[in-house]
Amino acid sequence: MLEHLPDARVGLAELARVMRSGGRMLLLTTEDNLSGAWTSRVWCCRTYNRQELYRTCQEVGLRLRKELWYTKMHQVLRAGGICIEIERE
């Protein structure tokens, strides 16, 4: 749902607010790359820059635990969107 919010900070801040301290979740969103551009056109949603998303998470009290990839090939090609495990500080 993050792709459909006008301001990711608001949505992420609400997630941080309702999570318990130490609580974890998976966040999957569209990345600002070639496949993400195609996805955003088809589904009328926005894309996210990986580093900006990490920074926004940190600003609202969510810490990146690890990046996840579907396969090694997805990681090499930087494909499949952003899938991260985050934790409330």
PDB file of N, CA and C in Angstrom:
ATOM      1  N   MET A   1       0.807  -1.207   0.000  1.00  0.00           N
ATOM      2  CA  MET A   1       0.000   0.000   0.000  1.00  0.00           C
ATOM      3  C   MET A   1       0.840   1.256   0.000  1.00  0.00           C
ATOM      4  N   LEU A   2       2.093   1.133   0.363  1.00  0.00           N
ATOM      5  CA  LEU A   2       2.964   2.307   0.465  1.00  0.00           C
ATOM      6  C   LEU A   2       3.073   3.052  -0.866  1.00  0.00           C
ATOM      7  N   GLU A   3       3.003   2.314  -1.971  1.00  0.00           N
ATOM      8  CA  GLU A   3       3.118   2.925  -3.301  1.00  0.00           C
ATOM      9  C   GLU A   3       1.967   3.866  -3.615  1.00  0.00           C
ATOM     10  N   HIS A   4       0.872   3.735  -2.894  1.00  0.00           N
ATOM     11  CA  HIS A   4      -0.327   4.521  -3.191  1.00  0.00           C
ATOM     12  C   HIS A   4      -0.522   5.706  -2.248  1.00  0.00           C
ATOM     13  N   LEU A   5       0.402   5.909  -1.328  1.00  0.00           N
ATOM     14  CA  LEU A   5       0.316   7.043  -0.405  1.00  0.00           C
ATOM     15  C   LEU A   5       1.040   8.254  -0.985  1.00  0.00           C
ATOM     16  N   PRO A   6       0.471   9.433  -0.855  1.00  0.00           N
ATOM     17  CA  PRO A   6       1.148  10.624  -1.356  1.00  0.00           C
ATOM     18  C   PRO A   6       2.448  10.909  -0.598  1.00  0.00           C
ATOM     19  N   ASP A   7       2.499  10.544   0.694  1.00  0.00           N
ATOM     20  CA  ASP A   7       3.684  10.788   1.510  1.00  0.00           C
ATOM     21  C   ASP A   7       3.995   9.535   2.326  1.00  0.00           C
ATOM     22  N   ALA A   8       5.058   8.846   1.953  1.00  0.00           N
ATOM     23  CA  ALA A   8       5.435   7.601   2.634  1.00  0.00           C
ATOM     24  C   ALA A   8       5.711   7.827   4.108  1.00  0.00           C
ATOM     25  N   ARG A   9       6.228   8.994   4.445  1.00  0.00           N
ATOM     26  CA  ARG A   9       6.575   9.285   5.842  1.00  0.00           C
ATOM     27  C   ARG A   9       5.358   9.126   6.766  1.00  0.00           C
ATOM     28  N   VAL A  10       4.199   9.575   6.306  1.00  0.00           N
ATOM     29  CA  VAL A  10       2.979   9.487   7.124  1.00  0.00           C
ATOM     30  C   VAL A  10       2.619   8.023   7.376  1.00  0.00           C
ATOM     31  N   GLY A  11       2.634   7.209   6.326  1.00  0.00           N
ATOM     32  CA  GLY A  11       2.308   5.793   6.471  1.00  0.00           C
ATOM     33  C   GLY A  11       3.312   5.047   7.325  1.00  0.00           C
ATOM     34  N   LEU A  12       4.588   5.299   7.105  1.00  0.00           N
ATOM     35  CA  LEU A  12       5.627   4.633   7.891  1.00  0.00           C
ATOM     36  C   LEU A  12       5.592   5.072   9.358  1.00  0.00           C
ATOM     37  N   ALA A  13       5.296   6.336   9.603  1.00  0.00           N
ATOM     38  CA  ALA A  13       5.192   6.820  10.986  1.00  0.00           C
ATOM     39  C   ALA A  13       4.034   6.131  11.705  1.00  0.00           C
ATOM     40  N   GLU A  14       2.936   5.914  11.001  1.00  0.00           N
ATOM     41  CA  GLU A  14       1.792   5.217  11.616  1.00  0.00           C
ATOM     42  C   GLU A  14       2.142   3.755  11.897  1.00  0.00           C
ATOM     43  N   LEU A  15       2.846   3.113  10.978  1.00  0.00           N
ATOM     44  CA  LEU A  15       3.287   1.734  11.225  1.00  0.00           C
ATOM     45  C   LEU A  15       4.199   1.680  12.444  1.00  0.00           C
ATOM     46  N   ALA A  16       5.116   2.619  12.547  1.00  0.00           N
ATOM     47  CA  ALA A  16       6.021   2.665  13.698  1.00  0.00           C
ATOM     48  C   ALA A  16       5.237   2.908  14.991  1.00  0.00           C
ATOM     49  N   ARG A  17       4.208   3.739  14.910  1.00  0.00           N
ATOM     50  CA  ARG A  17       3.418   4.059  16.100  1.00  0.00           C
ATOM     51  C   ARG A  17       2.696   2.833  16.648  1.00  0.00           C
ATOM     52  N   VAL A  18       2.137   2.000  15.774  1.00  0.00           N
ATOM     53  CA  VAL A  18       1.335   0.871  16.239  1.00  0.00           C
ATOM     54  C   VAL A  18       2.152  -0.390  16.503  1.00  0.00           C
ATOM     55  N   MET A  19       3.406  -0.407  16.064  1.00  0.00           N
ATOM     56  CA  MET A  19       4.258  -1.569  16.337  1.00  0.00           C
ATOM     57  C   MET A  19       4.829  -1.497  17.748  1.00  0.00           C
ATOM     58  N   ARG A  20       4.992  -2.645  18.348  1.00  0.00           N
ATOM     59  CA  ARG A  20       5.661  -2.701  19.644  1.00  0.00           C
ATOM     60  C   ARG A  20       7.153  -2.461  19.454  1.00  0.00           C
ATOM     61  N   SER A  21       7.794  -1.984  20.490  1.00  0.00           N
ATOM     62  CA  SER A  21       9.244  -1.827  20.455  1.00  0.00           C
ATOM     63  C   SER A  21       9.864  -3.200  20.207  1.00  0.00           C
ATOM     64  N   GLY A  22      10.740  -3.284  19.227  1.00  0.00           N
ATOM     65  CA  GLY A  22      11.344  -4.571  18.855  1.00  0.00           C
ATOM     66  C   GLY A  22      10.516  -5.359  17.855  1.00  0.00           C
ATOM     67  N   GLY A  23       9.299  -4.859  17.546  1.00  0.00           N
ATOM     68  CA  GLY A  23       8.442  -5.539  16.570  1.00  0.00           C
ATOM     69  C   GLY A  23       9.055  -5.479  15.183  1.00  0.00           C
ATOM     70  N   ARG A  24       8.844  -6.528  14.406  1.00  0.00           N
ATOM     71  CA  ARG A  24       9.410  -6.606  13.061  1.00  0.00           C
ATOM     72  C   ARG A  24       8.313  -6.796  12.030  1.00  0.00           C
ATOM     73  N   MET A  25       8.617  -6.349  10.810  1.00  0.00           N
ATOM     74  CA  MET A  25       7.701  -6.601   9.697  1.00  0.00           C
ATOM     75  C   MET A  25       8.471  -6.584   8.388  1.00  0.00           C
ATOM     76  N   LEU A  26       7.843  -7.158   7.370  1.00  0.00           N
ATOM     77  CA  LEU A  26       8.401  -7.123   6.026  1.00  0.00           C
ATOM     78  C   LEU A  26       7.744  -5.986   5.269  1.00  0.00           C
ATOM     79  N   LEU A  27       8.547  -5.243   4.550  1.00  0.00           N
ATOM     80  CA  LEU A  27       8.053  -4.147   3.732  1.00  0.00           C
ATOM     81  C   LEU A  27       8.444  -4.438   2.294  1.00  0.00           C
ATOM     82  N   LEU A  28       7.457  -4.520   1.424  1.00  0.00           N
ATOM     83  CA  LEU A  28       7.686  -4.765   0.004  1.00  0.00           C
ATOM     84  C   LEU A  28       7.069  -3.618  -0.769  1.00  0.00           C
ATOM     85  N   THR A  29       7.875  -2.972  -1.602  1.00  0.00           N
ATOM     86  CA  THR A  29       7.390  -1.834  -2.380  1.00  0.00           C
ATOM     87  C   THR A  29       8.121  -1.758  -3.711  1.00  0.00           C
ATOM     88  N   THR A  30       7.613  -0.951  -4.599  1.00  0.00           N
ATOM     89  CA  THR A  30       8.166  -0.812  -5.946  1.00  0.00           C
ATOM     90  C   THR A  30       9.402   0.084  -5.942  1.00  0.00           C
ATOM     91  N   GLU A  31      10.457  -0.389  -6.593  1.00  0.00           N
ATOM     92  CA  GLU A  31      11.712   0.364  -6.638  1.00  0.00           C
ATOM     93  C   GLU A  31      11.776   1.228  -7.891  1.00  0.00           C
ATOM     94  N   ASP A  32      12.534   2.304  -7.808  1.00  0.00           N
ATOM     95  CA  ASP A  32      12.655   3.230  -8.943  1.00  0.00           C
ATOM     96  C   ASP A  32      13.697   2.751  -9.958  1.00  0.00           C
ATOM     97  N   ASN A  33      13.417   1.623 -10.571  1.00  0.00           N
ATOM     98  CA  ASN A  33      14.281   1.105 -11.629  1.00  0.00           C
ATOM     99  C   ASN A  33      13.414   0.832 -12.860  1.00  0.00           C
ATOM    100  N   LEU A  34      13.953   0.164 -13.853  1.00  0.00           N
ATOM    101  CA  LEU A  34      13.224  -0.055 -15.096  1.00  0.00           C
ATOM    102  C   LEU A  34      11.943  -0.861 -14.884  1.00  0.00           C
ATOM    103  N   SER A  35      12.033  -1.965 -14.163  1.00  0.00           N
ATOM    104  CA  SER A  35      10.821  -2.766 -13.931  1.00  0.00           C
ATOM    105  C   SER A  35       9.839  -2.013 -13.030  1.00  0.00           C
ATOM    106  N   GLY A  36      10.350  -1.230 -12.106  1.00  0.00           N
ATOM    107  CA  GLY A  36       9.489  -0.419 -11.247  1.00  0.00           C
ATOM    108  C   GLY A  36       8.746   0.642 -12.030  1.00  0.00           C
ATOM    109  N   ALA A  37       9.413   1.236 -13.018  1.00  0.00           N
ATOM    110  CA  ALA A  37       8.765   2.246 -13.866  1.00  0.00           C
ATOM    111  C   ALA A  37       7.601   1.623 -14.626  1.00  0.00           C
ATOM    112  N   TRP A  38       7.811   0.418 -15.122  1.00  0.00           N
ATOM    113  CA  TRP A  38       6.740  -0.290 -15.834  1.00  0.00           C
ATOM    114  C   TRP A  38       5.572  -0.582 -14.875  1.00  0.00           C
ATOM    115  N   THR A  39       5.880  -1.086 -13.706  1.00  0.00           N
ATOM    116  CA  THR A  39       4.865  -1.391 -12.702  1.00  0.00           C
ATOM    117  C   THR A  39       4.083  -0.136 -12.319  1.00  0.00           C
ATOM    118  N   SER A  40       4.779   0.975 -12.126  1.00  0.00           N
ATOM    119  CA  SER A  40       4.101   2.201 -11.703  1.00  0.00           C
ATOM    120  C   SER A  40       3.159   2.718 -12.787  1.00  0.00           C
ATOM    121  N   ARG A  41       3.511   2.518 -14.041  1.00  0.00           N
ATOM    122  CA  ARG A  41       2.615   2.938 -15.130  1.00  0.00           C
ATOM    123  C   ARG A  41       1.360   2.067 -15.192  1.00  0.00           C
ATOM    124  N   VAL A  42       1.551   0.771 -15.051  1.00  0.00           N
ATOM    125  CA  VAL A  42       0.418  -0.162 -15.137  1.00  0.00           C
ATOM    126  C   VAL A  42      -0.527   0.016 -13.950  1.00  0.00           C
ATOM    127  N   TRP A  43       0.020   0.132 -12.748  1.00  0.00           N
ATOM    128  CA  TRP A  43      -0.795   0.172 -11.532  1.00  0.00           C
ATOM    129  C   TRP A  43      -1.000   1.588 -10.977  1.00  0.00           C
ATOM    130  N   CYS A  44      -0.533   2.597 -11.677  1.00  0.00           N
ATOM    131  CA  CYS A  44      -0.701   3.994 -11.245  1.00  0.00           C
ATOM    132  C   CYS A  44      -0.224   4.202  -9.808  1.00  0.00           C
ATOM    133  N   CYS A  45       0.991   3.804  -9.559  1.00  0.00           N
ATOM    134  CA  CYS A  45       1.551   3.956  -8.211  1.00  0.00           C
ATOM    135  C   CYS A  45       2.932   4.584  -8.325  1.00  0.00           C
ATOM    136  N   ARG A  46       3.488   4.959  -7.201  1.00  0.00           N
ATOM    137  CA  ARG A  46       4.807   5.582  -7.196  1.00  0.00           C
ATOM    138  C   ARG A  46       5.894   4.545  -6.961  1.00  0.00           C
ATOM    139  N   THR A  47       7.113   4.941  -7.205  1.00  0.00           N
ATOM    140  CA  THR A  47       8.255   4.080  -6.939  1.00  0.00           C
ATOM    141  C   THR A  47       9.113   4.725  -5.859  1.00  0.00           C
ATOM    142  N   TYR A  48       9.997   3.931  -5.276  1.00  0.00           N
ATOM    143  CA  TYR A  48      10.844   4.427  -4.196  1.00  0.00           C
ATOM    144  C   TYR A  48      12.305   4.189  -4.482  1.00  0.00           C
ATOM    145  N   ASN A  49      13.101   5.170  -4.150  1.00  0.00           N
ATOM    146  CA  ASN A  49      14.542   5.037  -4.166  1.00  0.00           C
ATOM    147  C   ASN A  49      14.923   4.312  -2.883  1.00  0.00           C
ATOM    148  N   ARG A  50      15.704   3.272  -3.015  1.00  0.00           N
ATOM    149  CA  ARG A  50      16.073   2.416  -1.884  1.00  0.00           C
ATOM    150  C   ARG A  50      16.685   3.220  -0.727  1.00  0.00           C
ATOM    151  N   GLN A  51      17.654   4.073  -1.002  1.00  0.00           N
ATOM    152  CA  GLN A  51      18.329   4.825   0.058  1.00  0.00           C
ATOM    153  C   GLN A  51      17.395   5.842   0.717  1.00  0.00           C
ATOM    154  N   GLU A  52      16.563   6.491  -0.074  1.00  0.00           N
ATOM    155  CA  GLU A  52      15.605   7.443   0.495  1.00  0.00           C
ATOM    156  C   GLU A  52      14.598   6.735   1.391  1.00  0.00           C
ATOM    157  N   LEU A  53      14.150   5.552   0.980  1.00  0.00           N
ATOM    158  CA  LEU A  53      13.211   4.779   1.795  1.00  0.00           C
ATOM    159  C   LEU A  53      13.860   4.370   3.118  1.00  0.00           C
ATOM    160  N   TYR A  54      15.112   3.928   3.070  1.00  0.00           N
ATOM    161  CA  TYR A  54      15.821   3.559   4.297  1.00  0.00           C
ATOM    162  C   TYR A  54      15.933   4.760   5.229  1.00  0.00           C
ATOM    163  N   ARG A  55      16.253   5.913   4.654  1.00  0.00           N
ATOM    164  CA  ARG A  55      16.396   7.136   5.452  1.00  0.00           C
ATOM    165  C   ARG A  55      15.062   7.521   6.098  1.00  0.00           C
ATOM    166  N   THR A  56      13.987   7.430   5.338  1.00  0.00           N
ATOM    167  CA  THR A  56      12.665   7.765   5.871  1.00  0.00           C
ATOM    168  C   THR A  56      12.281   6.813   7.000  1.00  0.00           C
ATOM    169  N   CYS A  57      12.544   5.527   6.812  1.00  0.00           N
ATOM    170  CA  CYS A  57      12.265   4.548   7.874  1.00  0.00           C
ATOM    171  C   CYS A  57      13.012   4.933   9.146  1.00  0.00           C
ATOM    172  N   GLN A  58      14.279   5.251   8.997  1.00  0.00           N
ATOM    173  CA  GLN A  58      15.091   5.611  10.155  1.00  0.00           C
ATOM    174  C   GLN A  58      14.549   6.860  10.852  1.00  0.00           C
ATOM    175  N   GLU A  59      14.111   7.841  10.078  1.00  0.00           N
ATOM    176  CA  GLU A  59      13.590   9.089  10.643  1.00  0.00           C
ATOM    177  C   GLU A  59      12.340   8.868  11.493  1.00  0.00           C
ATOM    178  N   VAL A  60      11.537   7.841  11.171  1.00  0.00           N
ATOM    179  CA  VAL A  60      10.304   7.602  11.931  1.00  0.00           C
ATOM    180  C   VAL A  60      10.478   6.503  12.988  1.00  0.00           C
ATOM    181  N   GLY A  61      11.720   6.027  13.179  1.00  0.00           N
ATOM    182  CA  GLY A  61      11.988   5.056  14.238  1.00  0.00           C
ATOM    183  C   GLY A  61      11.932   3.603  13.802  1.00  0.00           C
ATOM    184  N   LEU A  62      12.079   3.350  12.504  1.00  0.00           N
ATOM    185  CA  LEU A  62      12.125   1.983  11.992  1.00  0.00           C
ATOM    186  C   LEU A  62      13.537   1.696  11.509  1.00  0.00           C
ATOM    187  N   ARG A  63      14.096   0.602  11.982  1.00  0.00           N
ATOM    188  CA  ARG A  63      15.478   0.250  11.652  1.00  0.00           C
ATOM    189  C   ARG A  63      15.498  -0.883  10.629  1.00  0.00           C
ATOM    190  N   LEU A  64      16.335  -0.753   9.612  1.00  0.00           N
ATOM    191  CA  LEU A  64      16.522  -1.807   8.620  1.00  0.00           C
ATOM    192  C   LEU A  64      17.254  -2.968   9.268  1.00  0.00           C
ATOM    193  N   ARG A  65      16.658  -4.149   9.212  1.00  0.00           N
ATOM    194  CA  ARG A  65      17.335  -5.345   9.721  1.00  0.00           C
ATOM    195  C   ARG A  65      18.085  -6.055   8.608  1.00  0.00           C
ATOM    196  N   LYS A  66      17.405  -6.254   7.466  1.00  0.00           N
ATOM    197  CA  LYS A  66      18.102  -6.857   6.328  1.00  0.00           C
ATOM    198  C   LYS A  66      17.313  -6.697   5.040  1.00  0.00           C
ATOM    199  N   GLU A  67      18.046  -6.728   3.950  1.00  0.00           N
ATOM    200  CA  GLU A  67      17.438  -6.727   2.626  1.00  0.00           C
ATOM    201  C   GLU A  67      17.164  -8.177   2.252  1.00  0.00           C
ATOM    202  N   LEU A  68      16.045  -8.391   1.594  1.00  0.00           N
ATOM    203  CA  LEU A  68      15.688  -9.739   1.156  1.00  0.00           C
ATOM    204  C   LEU A  68      15.510  -9.727  -0.357  1.00  0.00           C
ATOM    205  N   TRP A  69      15.867 -10.821  -1.006  1.00  0.00           N
ATOM    206  CA  TRP A  69      15.736 -10.958  -2.454  1.00  0.00           C
ATOM    207  C   TRP A  69      15.046 -12.282  -2.744  1.00  0.00           C
ATOM    208  N   TYR A  70      14.271 -12.330  -3.813  1.00  0.00           N
ATOM    209  CA  TYR A  70      13.588 -13.569  -4.197  1.00  0.00           C
ATOM    210  C   TYR A  70      14.606 -14.653  -4.545  1.00  0.00           C
ATOM    211  N   THR A  71      15.587 -14.304  -5.357  1.00  0.00           N
ATOM    212  CA  THR A  71      16.649 -15.234  -5.758  1.00  0.00           C
ATOM    213  C   THR A  71      17.944 -14.443  -5.894  1.00  0.00           C
ATOM    214  N   LYS A  72      19.055 -15.163  -6.053  1.00  0.00           N
ATOM    215  CA  LYS A  72      20.341 -14.505  -6.295  1.00  0.00           C
ATOM    216  C   LYS A  72      20.289 -13.694  -7.591  1.00  0.00           C
ATOM    217  N   MET A  73      19.585 -14.217  -8.601  1.00  0.00           N
ATOM    218  CA  MET A  73      19.477 -13.519  -9.876  1.00  0.00           C
ATOM    219  C   MET A  73      18.773 -12.176  -9.694  1.00  0.00           C
ATOM    220  N   HIS A  74      17.716 -12.137  -8.872  1.00  0.00           N
ATOM    221  CA  HIS A  74      17.041 -10.870  -8.586  1.00  0.00           C
ATOM    222  C   HIS A  74      18.013  -9.876  -7.948  1.00  0.00           C
ATOM    223  N   GLN A  75      18.851 -10.375  -7.056  1.00  0.00           N
ATOM    224  CA  GLN A  75      19.813  -9.504  -6.385  1.00  0.00           C
ATOM    225  C   GLN A  75      20.838  -8.957  -7.376  1.00  0.00           C
ATOM    226  N   VAL A  76      21.346  -9.815  -8.239  1.00  0.00           N
ATOM    227  CA  VAL A  76      22.337  -9.391  -9.224  1.00  0.00           C
ATOM    228  C   VAL A  76      21.740  -8.361 -10.178  1.00  0.00           C
ATOM    229  N   LEU A  77      20.503  -8.597 -10.624  1.00  0.00           N
ATOM    230  CA  LEU A  77      19.853  -7.700 -11.579  1.00  0.00           C
ATOM    231  C   LEU A  77      19.155  -6.522 -10.903  1.00  0.00           C
ATOM    232  N   ARG A  78      19.139  -6.530  -9.564  1.00  0.00           N
ATOM    233  CA  ARG A  78      18.430  -5.494  -8.793  1.00  0.00           C
ATOM    234  C   ARG A  78      16.971  -5.430  -9.252  1.00  0.00           C
ATOM    235  N   ALA A  79      16.342  -6.580  -9.337  1.00  0.00           N
ATOM    236  CA  ALA A  79      14.962  -6.696  -9.828  1.00  0.00           C
ATOM    237  C   ALA A  79      14.050  -7.209  -8.721  1.00  0.00           C
ATOM    238  N   GLY A  80      12.754  -7.015  -8.899  1.00  0.00           N
ATOM    239  CA  GLY A  80      11.782  -7.567  -7.962  1.00  0.00           C
ATOM    240  C   GLY A  80      11.313  -6.596  -6.903  1.00  0.00           C
ATOM    241  N   GLY A  81      11.752  -5.362  -6.958  1.00  0.00           N
ATOM    242  CA  GLY A  81      11.309  -4.371  -5.983  1.00  0.00           C
ATOM    243  C   GLY A  81      12.140  -4.399  -4.718  1.00  0.00           C
ATOM    244  N   ILE A  82      11.701  -3.607  -3.756  1.00  0.00           N
ATOM    245  CA  ILE A  82      12.394  -3.510  -2.470  1.00  0.00           C
ATOM    246  C   ILE A  82      11.654  -4.405  -1.484  1.00  0.00           C
ATOM    247  N   CYS A  83      12.368  -5.345  -0.918  1.00  0.00           N
ATOM    248  CA  CYS A  83      11.809  -6.203   0.119  1.00  0.00           C
ATOM    249  C   CYS A  83      12.791  -6.169   1.284  1.00  0.00           C
ATOM    250  N   ILE A  84      12.334  -5.585   2.394  1.00  0.00           N
ATOM    251  CA  ILE A  84      13.227  -5.430   3.550  1.00  0.00           C
ATOM    252  C   ILE A  84      12.505  -5.855   4.833  1.00  0.00           C
ATOM    253  N   GLU A  85      13.292  -6.300   5.784  1.00  0.00           N
ATOM    254  CA  GLU A  85      12.775  -6.555   7.129  1.00  0.00           C
ATOM    255  C   GLU A  85      13.137  -5.331   7.957  1.00  0.00           C
ATOM    256  N   ILE A  86      12.118  -4.723   8.581  1.00  0.00           N
ATOM    257  CA  ILE A  86      12.369  -3.557   9.424  1.00  0.00           C
ATOM    258  C   ILE A  86      11.898  -3.851  10.837  1.00  0.00           C
ATOM    259  N   GLU A  87      12.445  -3.111  11.775  1.00  0.00           N
ATOM    260  CA  GLU A  87      12.164  -3.313  13.193  1.00  0.00           C
ATOM    261  C   GLU A  87      11.926  -1.957  13.840  1.00  0.00           C
ATOM    262  N   ARG A  88      10.967  -1.913  14.740  1.00  0.00           N
ATOM    263  CA  ARG A  88      10.758  -0.684  15.493  1.00  0.00           C
ATOM    264  C   ARG A  88      11.810  -0.591  16.580  1.00  0.00           C
ATOM    265  N   GLU A  89      12.446   0.564  16.669  1.00  0.00           N
ATOM    266  CA  GLU A  89      13.505   0.757  17.666  1.00  0.00           C
ATOM    267  C   GLU A  89      12.928   0.894  19.049  1.00  0.00           C
TER     268      GLU A  89
END
